[in-house]
Amino acid sequence: MITRIIKAKIKPEHLDSFKKYIIQFLKEAREYKNIHHADCFADLDKQFHFHIYTIWQTDGALSKFRKSETNLTLKKNLQEWCVTPYAAWTVENI
């Protein structure tokens, strides 16, 4: 399994927009072929910090998703809504 993790600190003035949007993003992401899981978590210790996880069956499935309109829209929105640039990691189960 391949996991994509995105950490984002959202500007307070964009929090409501982010929360509404992320529900739709996760719904769309879960419809992609070979996705195992998609979720977003709010950090309990740091206000406005969120962690978005998608778990994929294969690296190829993630690669296709990363080129999708769904993912490109997420990136565009995060660039606008984040206090600082978001961070992202791709990891694999061992």
N, C-alpha and C. Protein backbone atom coordinates (compact mmCIF):
# COMPACT_ATOMS: atom_id res chain seq x y z
N MET A 1 0.84 -1.19 0.00
CA MET A 1 0.00 0.00 0.00
C MET A 1 0.88 1.25 0.00
N ILE A 2 0.43 2.25 -0.72
CA ILE A 2 1.12 3.53 -0.83
C ILE A 2 0.24 4.58 -0.16
N THR A 3 0.83 5.35 0.76
CA THR A 3 0.08 6.38 1.47
C THR A 3 0.62 7.75 1.10
N ARG A 4 -0.28 8.63 0.77
CA ARG A 4 0.04 10.03 0.48
C ARG A 4 -0.48 10.84 1.66
N ILE A 5 0.40 11.62 2.28
CA ILE A 5 0.06 12.43 3.44
C ILE A 5 0.31 13.89 3.10
N ILE A 6 -0.66 14.73 3.36
CA ILE A 6 -0.52 16.16 3.15
C ILE A 6 -0.80 16.85 4.48
N LYS A 7 0.12 17.71 4.88
CA LYS A 7 -0.05 18.50 6.11
C LYS A 7 -0.24 19.95 5.71
N ALA A 8 -1.32 20.55 6.21
CA ALA A 8 -1.63 21.92 5.82
C ALA A 8 -2.07 22.74 7.02
N LYS A 9 -1.59 23.98 7.09
CA LYS A 9 -2.06 24.93 8.10
C LYS A 9 -2.92 25.96 7.37
N ILE A 10 -4.21 25.93 7.67
CA ILE A 10 -5.18 26.75 6.96
C ILE A 10 -5.30 28.14 7.61
N LYS A 11 -5.38 29.17 6.78
CA LYS A 11 -5.61 30.52 7.27
C LYS A 11 -6.99 30.56 7.93
N PRO A 12 -7.10 31.21 9.09
CA PRO A 12 -8.40 31.24 9.79
C PRO A 12 -9.56 31.72 8.92
N GLU A 13 -9.30 32.68 8.06
CA GLU A 13 -10.39 33.21 7.22
C GLU A 13 -10.85 32.23 6.14
N HIS A 14 -10.08 31.16 5.91
CA HIS A 14 -10.46 30.15 4.91
C HIS A 14 -10.91 28.83 5.54
N LEU A 15 -11.01 28.79 6.86
CA LEU A 15 -11.34 27.54 7.54
C LEU A 15 -12.68 26.97 7.11
N ASP A 16 -13.71 27.79 7.06
CA ASP A 16 -15.03 27.29 6.65
C ASP A 16 -15.02 26.76 5.22
N SER A 17 -14.36 27.49 4.32
CA SER A 17 -14.27 27.03 2.93
C SER A 17 -13.53 25.71 2.85
N PHE A 18 -12.44 25.59 3.59
CA PHE A 18 -11.67 24.34 3.60
C PHE A 18 -12.53 23.18 4.09
N LYS A 19 -13.21 23.37 5.20
CA LYS A 19 -14.02 22.29 5.79
C LYS A 19 -15.13 21.83 4.84
N LYS A 20 -15.76 22.77 4.15
CA LYS A 20 -16.80 22.40 3.17
C LYS A 20 -16.17 21.68 1.98
N TYR A 21 -15.08 22.20 1.50
CA TYR A 21 -14.44 21.62 0.32
C TYR A 21 -13.88 20.22 0.59
N ILE A 22 -13.25 20.01 1.73
CA ILE A 22 -12.56 18.74 1.98
C ILE A 22 -13.55 17.58 2.00
N ILE A 23 -14.77 17.82 2.43
CA ILE A 23 -15.80 16.76 2.39
C ILE A 23 -16.03 16.32 0.95
N GLN A 24 -16.16 17.27 0.04
CA GLN A 24 -16.37 16.94 -1.38
C GLN A 24 -15.12 16.28 -1.98
N PHE A 25 -13.95 16.81 -1.63
CA PHE A 25 -12.71 16.21 -2.13
C PHE A 25 -12.60 14.74 -1.74
N LEU A 26 -12.84 14.44 -0.47
CA LEU A 26 -12.73 13.05 -0.01
C LEU A 26 -13.75 12.15 -0.69
N LYS A 27 -14.95 12.65 -0.88
CA LYS A 27 -15.98 11.87 -1.60
C LYS A 27 -15.50 11.54 -3.01
N GLU A 28 -14.97 12.52 -3.72
CA GLU A 28 -14.48 12.30 -5.08
C GLU A 28 -13.27 11.37 -5.08
N ALA A 29 -12.34 11.56 -4.15
CA ALA A 29 -11.14 10.72 -4.10
C ALA A 29 -11.50 9.26 -3.86
N ARG A 30 -12.48 9.02 -3.02
CA ARG A 30 -12.89 7.64 -2.70
C ARG A 30 -13.50 6.91 -3.88
N GLU A 31 -13.85 7.63 -4.92
CA GLU A 31 -14.43 7.01 -6.12
C GLU A 31 -13.37 6.53 -7.11
N TYR A 32 -12.11 6.89 -6.89
CA TYR A 32 -11.05 6.49 -7.81
C TYR A 32 -10.74 5.00 -7.68
N LYS A 33 -10.35 4.42 -8.80
CA LYS A 33 -9.98 3.01 -8.83
C LYS A 33 -8.70 2.79 -8.02
N ASN A 34 -8.68 1.71 -7.27
CA ASN A 34 -7.52 1.27 -6.47
C ASN A 34 -7.20 2.16 -5.28
N ILE A 35 -8.18 2.95 -4.83
CA ILE A 35 -7.97 3.68 -3.58
C ILE A 35 -8.48 2.80 -2.44
N HIS A 36 -7.75 2.77 -1.38
CA HIS A 36 -8.12 1.95 -0.23
C HIS A 36 -8.80 2.81 0.84
N HIS A 37 -8.33 4.04 1.00
CA HIS A 37 -8.88 4.91 2.06
C HIS A 37 -8.53 6.37 1.76
N ALA A 38 -9.40 7.27 2.19
CA ALA A 38 -9.14 8.71 2.11
C ALA A 38 -9.78 9.37 3.32
N ASP A 39 -9.02 10.24 4.00
CA ASP A 39 -9.55 10.88 5.20
C ASP A 39 -8.79 12.17 5.48
N CYS A 40 -9.38 13.00 6.32
CA CYS A 40 -8.74 14.24 6.78
C CYS A 40 -8.89 14.31 8.28
N PHE A 41 -7.81 14.66 8.96
CA PHE A 41 -7.79 14.75 10.41
C PHE A 41 -7.37 16.15 10.83
N ALA A 42 -8.05 16.67 11.86
CA ALA A 42 -7.66 17.95 12.47
C ALA A 42 -6.69 17.64 13.60
N ASP A 43 -5.60 18.37 13.64
CA ASP A 43 -4.61 18.20 14.71
C ASP A 43 -5.21 18.68 16.03
N LEU A 44 -5.12 17.86 17.06
CA LEU A 44 -5.69 18.21 18.36
C LEU A 44 -4.85 19.25 19.12
N ASP A 45 -3.57 19.32 18.80
CA ASP A 45 -2.68 20.23 19.51
C ASP A 45 -2.44 21.56 18.81
N LYS A 46 -2.67 21.60 17.51
CA LYS A 46 -2.38 22.80 16.74
C LYS A 46 -3.61 23.22 15.95
N GLN A 47 -4.20 24.32 16.36
CA GLN A 47 -5.40 24.82 15.69
C GLN A 47 -5.08 25.16 14.23
N PHE A 48 -5.99 24.86 13.35
CA PHE A 48 -5.90 25.14 11.91
C PHE A 48 -4.95 24.21 11.16
N HIS A 49 -4.39 23.19 11.83
CA HIS A 49 -3.52 22.21 11.17
C HIS A 49 -4.35 20.97 10.82
N PHE A 50 -4.20 20.51 9.57
CA PHE A 50 -4.94 19.35 9.09
C PHE A 50 -4.00 18.39 8.38
N HIS A 51 -4.36 17.11 8.43
CA HIS A 51 -3.60 16.04 7.78
C HIS A 51 -4.55 15.28 6.86
N ILE A 52 -4.23 15.27 5.58
CA ILE A 52 -5.06 14.59 4.59
C ILE A 52 -4.33 13.31 4.18
N TYR A 53 -5.01 12.18 4.29
CA TYR A 53 -4.41 10.88 3.96
C TYR A 53 -5.18 10.23 2.82
N THR A 54 -4.46 9.72 1.85
CA THR A 54 -5.04 8.82 0.86
C THR A 54 -4.15 7.58 0.80
N ILE A 55 -4.77 6.43 0.77
CA ILE A 55 -4.03 5.17 0.74
C ILE A 55 -4.42 4.43 -0.55
N TRP A 56 -3.40 4.02 -1.29
CA TRP A 56 -3.58 3.46 -2.63
C TRP A 56 -3.04 2.03 -2.70
N GLN A 57 -3.66 1.24 -3.55
CA GLN A 57 -3.22 -0.14 -3.75
C GLN A 57 -1.86 -0.19 -4.45
N THR A 58 -1.63 0.75 -5.38
CA THR A 58 -0.38 0.75 -6.16
C THR A 58 0.13 2.17 -6.35
N ASP A 59 1.41 2.28 -6.63
CA ASP A 59 2.01 3.57 -6.95
C ASP A 59 1.41 4.12 -8.24
N GLY A 60 1.10 3.24 -9.18
CA GLY A 60 0.50 3.67 -10.44
C GLY A 60 -0.86 4.34 -10.24
N ALA A 61 -1.66 3.79 -9.32
CA ALA A 61 -2.97 4.38 -9.02
C ALA A 61 -2.80 5.78 -8.45
N LEU A 62 -1.85 5.94 -7.54
CA LEU A 62 -1.57 7.26 -6.97
C LEU A 62 -1.09 8.21 -8.06
N SER A 63 -0.22 7.74 -8.93
CA SER A 63 0.30 8.59 -10.01
C SER A 63 -0.82 9.11 -10.90
N LYS A 64 -1.78 8.25 -11.24
CA LYS A 64 -2.92 8.68 -12.05
C LYS A 64 -3.74 9.73 -11.30
N PHE A 65 -3.97 9.49 -10.02
CA PHE A 65 -4.75 10.43 -9.22
C PHE A 65 -4.05 11.78 -9.13
N ARG A 66 -2.75 11.78 -8.97
CA ARG A 66 -2.02 13.04 -8.83
C ARG A 66 -2.15 13.93 -10.06
N LYS A 67 -2.45 13.34 -11.22
CA LYS A 67 -2.63 14.11 -12.46
C LYS A 67 -4.09 14.50 -12.68
N SER A 68 -4.98 14.05 -11.80
CA SER A 68 -6.42 14.25 -11.99
C SER A 68 -6.85 15.68 -11.65
N GLU A 69 -7.98 16.06 -12.19
CA GLU A 69 -8.57 17.37 -11.90
C GLU A 69 -8.89 17.49 -10.41
N THR A 70 -9.31 16.40 -9.80
CA THR A 70 -9.62 16.40 -8.36
C THR A 70 -8.40 16.81 -7.55
N ASN A 71 -7.26 16.22 -7.86
CA ASN A 71 -6.03 16.53 -7.12
C ASN A 71 -5.50 17.92 -7.48
N LEU A 72 -5.58 18.30 -8.74
CA LEU A 72 -5.10 19.62 -9.14
C LEU A 72 -5.91 20.73 -8.48
N THR A 73 -7.21 20.52 -8.31
CA THR A 73 -8.05 21.50 -7.62
C THR A 73 -7.68 21.57 -6.15
N LEU A 74 -7.41 20.42 -5.52
CA LEU A 74 -6.97 20.42 -4.13
C LEU A 74 -5.69 21.25 -3.99
N LYS A 75 -4.73 21.01 -4.84
CA LYS A 75 -3.46 21.74 -4.77
C LYS A 75 -3.68 23.24 -4.92
N LYS A 76 -4.50 23.63 -5.89
CA LYS A 76 -4.78 25.05 -6.13
C LYS A 76 -5.43 25.68 -4.89
N ASN A 77 -6.41 25.00 -4.33
CA ASN A 77 -7.09 25.53 -3.14
C ASN A 77 -6.14 25.63 -1.96
N LEU A 78 -5.33 24.61 -1.74
CA LEU A 78 -4.40 24.65 -0.61
C LEU A 78 -3.38 25.77 -0.77
N GLN A 79 -2.93 26.00 -1.98
CA GLN A 79 -1.97 27.10 -2.20
C GLN A 79 -2.58 28.44 -1.80
N GLU A 80 -3.88 28.57 -2.01
CA GLU A 80 -4.56 29.82 -1.67
C GLU A 80 -4.91 29.88 -0.18
N TRP A 81 -5.31 28.76 0.40
CA TRP A 81 -5.85 28.74 1.75
C TRP A 81 -4.82 28.55 2.85
N CYS A 82 -3.62 28.12 2.53
CA CYS A 82 -2.63 27.80 3.57
C CYS A 82 -1.82 29.03 4.01
N VAL A 83 -1.48 29.04 5.28
CA VAL A 83 -0.63 30.09 5.85
C VAL A 83 0.77 30.00 5.24
N THR A 84 1.30 28.79 5.19
CA THR A 84 2.60 28.49 4.58
C THR A 84 2.39 27.37 3.58
N PRO A 85 3.33 27.14 2.68
CA PRO A 85 3.14 26.04 1.74
C PRO A 85 2.89 24.72 2.47
N TYR A 86 1.94 23.96 1.95
CA TYR A 86 1.65 22.65 2.55
C TYR A 86 2.82 21.71 2.31
N ALA A 87 2.92 20.70 3.15
CA ALA A 87 3.96 19.67 3.00
C ALA A 87 3.29 18.36 2.63
N ALA A 88 3.99 17.55 1.82
CA ALA A 88 3.41 16.27 1.40
C ALA A 88 4.50 15.20 1.38
N TRP A 89 4.07 13.99 1.74
CA TRP A 89 4.95 12.82 1.75
C TRP A 89 4.23 11.66 1.09
N THR A 90 5.00 10.80 0.46
CA THR A 90 4.48 9.53 -0.05
C THR A 90 5.30 8.45 0.63
N VAL A 91 4.60 7.53 1.31
CA VAL A 91 5.28 6.46 2.06
C VAL A 91 4.66 5.12 1.70
N GLU A 92 5.40 4.06 1.99
CA GLU A 92 4.94 2.71 1.66
C GLU A 92 5.00 1.83 2.91
N ASN A 93 4.01 0.97 3.06
CA ASN A 93 4.03 0.02 4.17
C ASN A 93 5.23 -0.91 4.04
N ILE A 94 5.82 -1.25 5.20
CA ILE A 94 6.93 -2.22 5.19
C ILE A 94 6.54 -3.46 5.98
